[in-house]
N, C-alpha and C. Protein backbone atom coordinates (compact mmCIF):
# COMPACT_ATOMS: atom_id res chain seq x y z
N MET A 1 110.94 226.63 103.50
CA MET A 1 109.65 226.42 104.12
C MET A 1 109.15 227.72 104.73
N ASN A 2 107.88 227.85 104.74
CA ASN A 2 107.25 229.00 105.37
C ASN A 2 107.44 228.86 106.88
N PRO A 3 108.11 229.83 107.54
CA PRO A 3 108.39 229.69 108.97
C PRO A 3 107.14 229.59 109.84
N LYS A 4 106.03 230.17 109.41
CA LYS A 4 104.82 230.14 110.22
C LYS A 4 104.09 228.80 110.12
N THR A 5 104.07 228.21 108.92
CA THR A 5 103.29 226.99 108.73
C THR A 5 104.14 225.74 108.55
N GLY A 6 105.42 225.90 108.19
CA GLY A 6 106.27 224.75 107.90
C GLY A 6 106.00 224.16 106.53
N ASN A 7 105.18 224.82 105.72
CA ASN A 7 104.84 224.34 104.38
C ASN A 7 105.69 225.05 103.33
N PRO A 8 105.81 224.45 102.14
CA PRO A 8 106.53 225.13 101.05
C PRO A 8 105.87 226.47 100.72
N LYS A 9 106.64 227.39 100.16
CA LYS A 9 106.14 228.72 99.86
C LYS A 9 105.40 228.81 98.53
N LYS A 10 105.88 228.11 97.50
CA LYS A 10 105.22 228.24 96.20
C LYS A 10 105.43 227.01 95.34
N ILE A 11 104.67 226.97 94.25
CA ILE A 11 104.77 225.90 93.28
C ILE A 11 105.49 226.43 92.06
N ILE A 12 106.49 225.71 91.62
CA ILE A 12 107.24 226.08 90.43
C ILE A 12 107.07 224.97 89.40
N TRP A 13 106.75 225.34 88.18
CA TRP A 13 106.59 224.38 87.09
C TRP A 13 107.84 224.42 86.22
N THR A 14 108.42 223.26 85.94
CA THR A 14 109.56 223.21 85.01
C THR A 14 109.03 223.50 83.61
N GLY A 15 109.94 223.85 82.72
CA GLY A 15 109.55 224.07 81.33
C GLY A 15 108.91 222.83 80.73
N PHE A 16 109.45 221.66 81.07
CA PHE A 16 108.90 220.41 80.54
C PHE A 16 107.48 220.20 81.02
N ALA A 17 107.22 220.44 82.30
CA ALA A 17 105.87 220.26 82.85
C ALA A 17 104.89 221.25 82.21
N ARG A 18 105.35 222.48 81.99
CA ARG A 18 104.49 223.48 81.32
C ARG A 18 104.15 223.04 79.91
N GLU A 19 105.13 222.47 79.20
CA GLU A 19 104.90 221.98 77.84
C GLU A 19 103.90 220.82 77.84
N CYS A 20 104.01 219.93 78.82
CA CYS A 20 103.06 218.82 78.93
C CYS A 20 101.65 219.37 79.13
N LEU A 21 101.51 220.33 80.02
CA LEU A 21 100.20 220.93 80.29
C LEU A 21 99.66 221.64 79.05
N LYS A 22 100.52 222.32 78.34
CA LYS A 22 100.12 223.00 77.11
C LYS A 22 99.64 221.99 76.07
N ASP A 23 100.37 220.87 75.92
CA ASP A 23 99.98 219.83 74.96
C ASP A 23 98.62 219.23 75.32
N ILE A 24 98.40 218.98 76.60
CA ILE A 24 97.13 218.44 77.07
C ILE A 24 96.01 219.42 76.75
N SER A 25 96.25 220.68 77.04
CA SER A 25 95.25 221.72 76.81
C SER A 25 94.91 221.84 75.33
N LEU A 26 95.92 221.88 74.48
CA LEU A 26 95.67 221.99 73.03
C LEU A 26 94.92 220.78 72.50
N TYR A 27 95.29 219.60 72.96
CA TYR A 27 94.62 218.39 72.52
C TYR A 27 93.13 218.44 72.85
N TYR A 28 92.81 218.74 74.10
CA TYR A 28 91.40 218.76 74.50
C TYR A 28 90.63 219.92 73.89
N THR A 29 91.28 221.02 73.61
CA THR A 29 90.61 222.12 72.92
C THR A 29 90.18 221.65 71.53
N GLU A 30 91.05 220.89 70.85
CA GLU A 30 90.75 220.42 69.50
C GLU A 30 89.70 219.32 69.49
N VAL A 31 89.80 218.34 70.39
CA VAL A 31 88.91 217.18 70.31
C VAL A 31 87.62 217.32 71.11
N ALA A 32 87.63 218.17 72.14
CA ALA A 32 86.44 218.25 73.00
C ALA A 32 85.96 219.68 73.23
N GLY A 33 86.75 220.65 72.85
CA GLY A 33 86.35 222.04 73.00
C GLY A 33 87.06 222.74 74.14
N PRO A 34 87.04 224.07 74.12
CA PRO A 34 87.76 224.85 75.12
C PRO A 34 87.23 224.68 76.55
N GLY A 35 85.94 224.40 76.70
CA GLY A 35 85.38 224.21 78.04
C GLY A 35 85.96 222.99 78.73
N VAL A 36 86.08 221.90 78.00
CA VAL A 36 86.66 220.67 78.56
C VAL A 36 88.14 220.91 78.87
N SER A 37 88.82 221.59 77.97
CA SER A 37 90.24 221.89 78.19
C SER A 37 90.44 222.71 79.47
N ARG A 38 89.62 223.73 79.67
CA ARG A 38 89.71 224.55 80.89
C ARG A 38 89.43 223.71 82.14
N LYS A 39 88.45 222.83 82.06
CA LYS A 39 88.10 221.98 83.20
C LYS A 39 89.27 221.09 83.61
N ILE A 40 89.94 220.51 82.64
CA ILE A 40 91.08 219.64 82.94
C ILE A 40 92.23 220.44 83.52
N ARG A 41 92.54 221.59 82.95
CA ARG A 41 93.60 222.45 83.50
C ARG A 41 93.27 222.85 84.93
N LYS A 42 92.01 223.19 85.17
CA LYS A 42 91.57 223.59 86.50
C LYS A 42 91.78 222.46 87.51
N GLN A 43 91.44 221.22 87.12
CA GLN A 43 91.66 220.06 87.99
C GLN A 43 93.14 219.90 88.33
N ILE A 44 93.99 220.06 87.34
CA ILE A 44 95.43 219.89 87.54
C ILE A 44 95.96 220.98 88.47
N PHE A 45 95.57 222.23 88.24
CA PHE A 45 96.04 223.32 89.11
C PHE A 45 95.51 223.17 90.53
N HIS A 46 94.27 222.73 90.68
CA HIS A 46 93.71 222.51 92.01
C HIS A 46 94.52 221.46 92.77
N ALA A 47 94.87 220.38 92.09
CA ALA A 47 95.66 219.32 92.74
C ALA A 47 97.03 219.84 93.18
N THR A 48 97.65 220.70 92.37
CA THR A 48 98.97 221.21 92.76
C THR A 48 98.87 222.22 93.90
N ARG A 49 97.81 223.03 93.92
CA ARG A 49 97.65 223.99 95.02
C ARG A 49 97.49 223.27 96.36
N HIS A 50 96.88 222.12 96.34
CA HIS A 50 96.72 221.30 97.55
C HIS A 50 98.08 220.94 98.14
N LEU A 51 99.10 220.84 97.30
CA LEU A 51 100.43 220.44 97.77
C LEU A 51 101.10 221.50 98.65
N ILE A 52 100.69 222.75 98.53
CA ILE A 52 101.27 223.80 99.38
C ILE A 52 101.05 223.47 100.85
N LYS A 53 99.86 223.03 101.20
CA LYS A 53 99.57 222.70 102.60
C LYS A 53 99.96 221.26 102.96
N HIS A 54 100.01 220.39 101.95
CA HIS A 54 100.27 218.97 102.21
C HIS A 54 101.31 218.43 101.23
N PRO A 55 102.55 218.90 101.32
CA PRO A 55 103.56 218.53 100.31
C PRO A 55 103.89 217.04 100.26
N GLU A 56 103.68 216.33 101.34
CA GLU A 56 104.01 214.91 101.33
C GLU A 56 102.77 214.03 101.21
N SER A 57 101.66 214.63 100.75
CA SER A 57 100.43 213.85 100.60
C SER A 57 100.48 212.93 99.39
N GLY A 58 101.31 213.26 98.42
CA GLY A 58 101.43 212.41 97.24
C GLY A 58 102.27 211.18 97.53
N GLN A 59 101.95 210.10 96.82
CA GLN A 59 102.72 208.87 96.98
C GLN A 59 104.09 209.02 96.33
N VAL A 60 105.05 208.27 96.83
CA VAL A 60 106.38 208.23 96.20
C VAL A 60 106.22 207.54 94.85
N GLU A 61 106.82 208.11 93.82
CA GLU A 61 106.74 207.53 92.48
C GLU A 61 107.81 206.44 92.35
N SER A 62 107.38 205.19 92.42
CA SER A 62 108.30 204.07 92.41
C SER A 62 109.09 203.96 91.11
N LEU A 63 108.52 204.42 90.01
CA LEU A 63 109.23 204.34 88.73
C LEU A 63 110.39 205.34 88.64
N LEU A 64 110.43 206.28 89.55
CA LEU A 64 111.52 207.28 89.54
C LEU A 64 112.43 207.13 90.74
N GLN A 65 112.35 206.01 91.45
CA GLN A 65 113.24 205.80 92.58
C GLN A 65 114.66 205.62 92.06
N GLY A 66 115.62 205.95 92.89
CA GLY A 66 117.01 205.87 92.48
C GLY A 66 117.53 207.19 91.95
N GLN A 67 116.69 208.18 91.87
CA GLN A 67 117.10 209.53 91.46
C GLN A 67 117.69 210.24 92.68
N GLU A 68 118.35 211.35 92.46
CA GLU A 68 118.90 212.12 93.57
C GLU A 68 117.81 212.61 94.51
N GLN A 69 116.69 213.05 93.93
CA GLN A 69 115.57 213.56 94.72
C GLN A 69 114.49 212.50 94.83
N GLU A 70 113.64 212.69 95.81
CA GLU A 70 112.47 211.83 95.93
C GLU A 70 111.33 212.47 95.15
N PHE A 71 110.81 211.76 94.17
CA PHE A 71 109.69 212.24 93.39
C PHE A 71 108.41 211.63 93.92
N ARG A 72 107.39 212.46 94.00
CA ARG A 72 106.06 212.04 94.43
C ARG A 72 105.08 212.39 93.33
N TYR A 73 103.86 211.92 93.48
CA TYR A 73 102.84 212.29 92.51
C TYR A 73 101.49 212.45 93.19
N CYS A 74 100.66 213.25 92.54
CA CYS A 74 99.25 213.35 92.90
C CYS A 74 98.48 213.16 91.61
N ILE A 75 97.22 212.82 91.74
CA ILE A 75 96.39 212.51 90.58
C ILE A 75 95.33 213.59 90.38
N ALA A 76 95.13 213.94 89.12
CA ALA A 76 94.03 214.84 88.73
C ALA A 76 93.42 214.24 87.47
N GLY A 77 92.26 213.65 87.60
CA GLY A 77 91.62 213.00 86.45
C GLY A 77 92.48 211.85 85.95
N ASN A 78 92.85 211.90 84.67
CA ASN A 78 93.70 210.87 84.07
C ASN A 78 95.19 211.22 84.12
N TYR A 79 95.54 212.23 84.91
CA TYR A 79 96.91 212.73 84.89
C TYR A 79 97.60 212.56 86.23
N LYS A 80 98.85 212.14 86.13
CA LYS A 80 99.73 211.99 87.28
C LYS A 80 100.64 213.21 87.27
N ILE A 81 100.59 214.00 88.32
CA ILE A 81 101.41 215.20 88.42
C ILE A 81 102.64 214.83 89.25
N ILE A 82 103.78 214.80 88.61
CA ILE A 82 105.03 214.40 89.26
C ILE A 82 105.69 215.65 89.85
N TYR A 83 106.11 215.54 91.10
CA TYR A 83 106.72 216.70 91.76
C TYR A 83 107.76 216.25 92.78
N THR A 84 108.55 217.19 93.20
CA THR A 84 109.50 216.99 94.27
C THR A 84 109.53 218.25 95.12
N VAL A 85 109.92 218.11 96.37
CA VAL A 85 110.05 219.27 97.24
C VAL A 85 111.52 219.69 97.17
N VAL A 86 111.75 220.95 96.76
CA VAL A 86 113.10 221.48 96.62
C VAL A 86 113.21 222.73 97.47
N GLU A 87 114.06 222.66 98.47
CA GLU A 87 114.25 223.76 99.40
C GLU A 87 112.91 224.23 99.95
N GLU A 88 112.46 225.39 99.51
CA GLU A 88 111.23 225.97 100.06
C GLU A 88 110.04 225.83 99.12
N ASN A 89 110.17 225.02 98.07
CA ASN A 89 109.15 225.02 97.03
C ASN A 89 108.76 223.62 96.57
N ILE A 90 107.61 223.55 95.93
CA ILE A 90 107.17 222.35 95.23
C ILE A 90 107.59 222.54 93.78
N LEU A 91 108.33 221.60 93.23
CA LEU A 91 108.78 221.66 91.84
C LEU A 91 108.02 220.60 91.06
N VAL A 92 107.09 221.04 90.18
CA VAL A 92 106.35 220.13 89.32
C VAL A 92 107.22 219.86 88.10
N THR A 93 107.52 218.58 87.88
CA THR A 93 108.45 218.22 86.80
C THR A 93 107.79 217.56 85.60
N ASP A 94 106.57 217.05 85.78
CA ASP A 94 105.93 216.32 84.68
C ASP A 94 104.43 216.22 84.94
N VAL A 95 103.66 216.17 83.88
CA VAL A 95 102.24 215.84 83.94
C VAL A 95 102.09 214.68 82.97
N PHE A 96 101.83 213.49 83.51
CA PHE A 96 101.88 212.25 82.75
C PHE A 96 100.49 211.64 82.64
N ASP A 97 100.07 211.33 81.42
CA ASP A 97 98.78 210.70 81.18
C ASP A 97 98.85 209.25 81.64
N THR A 98 98.04 208.89 82.61
CA THR A 98 98.10 207.56 83.20
C THR A 98 97.59 206.48 82.26
N ARG A 99 97.03 206.86 81.13
CA ARG A 99 96.58 205.87 80.15
C ARG A 99 97.72 205.40 79.27
N GLN A 100 98.90 206.02 79.41
CA GLN A 100 100.08 205.60 78.68
C GLN A 100 100.78 204.47 79.44
N ASN A 101 101.69 203.81 78.75
CA ASN A 101 102.50 202.79 79.40
C ASN A 101 103.40 203.49 80.41
N PRO A 102 103.36 203.09 81.69
CA PRO A 102 104.13 203.79 82.72
C PRO A 102 105.65 203.77 82.50
N VAL A 103 106.18 202.81 81.77
CA VAL A 103 107.63 202.80 81.54
C VAL A 103 108.07 203.99 80.71
N LYS A 104 107.13 204.63 79.99
CA LYS A 104 107.47 205.84 79.23
C LYS A 104 107.97 206.96 80.14
N MET A 105 107.57 206.90 81.40
CA MET A 105 107.96 207.95 82.34
C MET A 105 109.48 208.03 82.51
N ASN A 106 110.17 206.92 82.31
CA ASN A 106 111.62 206.87 82.48
C ASN A 106 112.41 207.05 81.19
N LYS A 107 111.73 207.28 80.09
CA LYS A 107 112.43 207.45 78.81
C LYS A 107 113.30 208.70 78.86
N PRO A 108 114.48 208.62 78.27
CA PRO A 108 115.40 209.78 78.28
C PRO A 108 114.81 211.03 77.64
N ASP A 109 113.90 210.87 76.67
CA ASP A 109 113.34 212.06 76.01
C ASP A 109 112.31 212.78 76.87
N ARG A 110 111.91 212.17 78.01
CA ARG A 110 111.03 212.87 78.97
C ARG A 110 111.94 213.62 79.92
N LYS A 111 112.14 214.86 79.64
CA LYS A 111 113.07 215.69 80.41
C LYS A 111 112.46 216.05 81.75
N GLN A 112 113.07 215.63 82.82
CA GLN A 112 112.58 215.93 84.17
C GLN A 112 113.12 217.24 84.63
């Protein structure tokens, strides 16, 4: 934690979360154009930057309870940004399209 503010120092994206964001970006570039893709990425990054000052503002993700860490989420458009607070940082582990069946979030092939 930042000693002056008590907030996490930085946001770290897992490889899996980066791949999810890349897939979202490529999809929207193809179907709606680069402008729409940039707008969606911007919304997602804005939501994660908010977590630096308010790390516990996201709701606890009930579908991921029972894990070693507590996972929370924030929403950006149609996307649920899954994260956890690890030591001094926010760790973004997944960007999940809320239009999908939520049980997919627990599938073994979704690497957290």
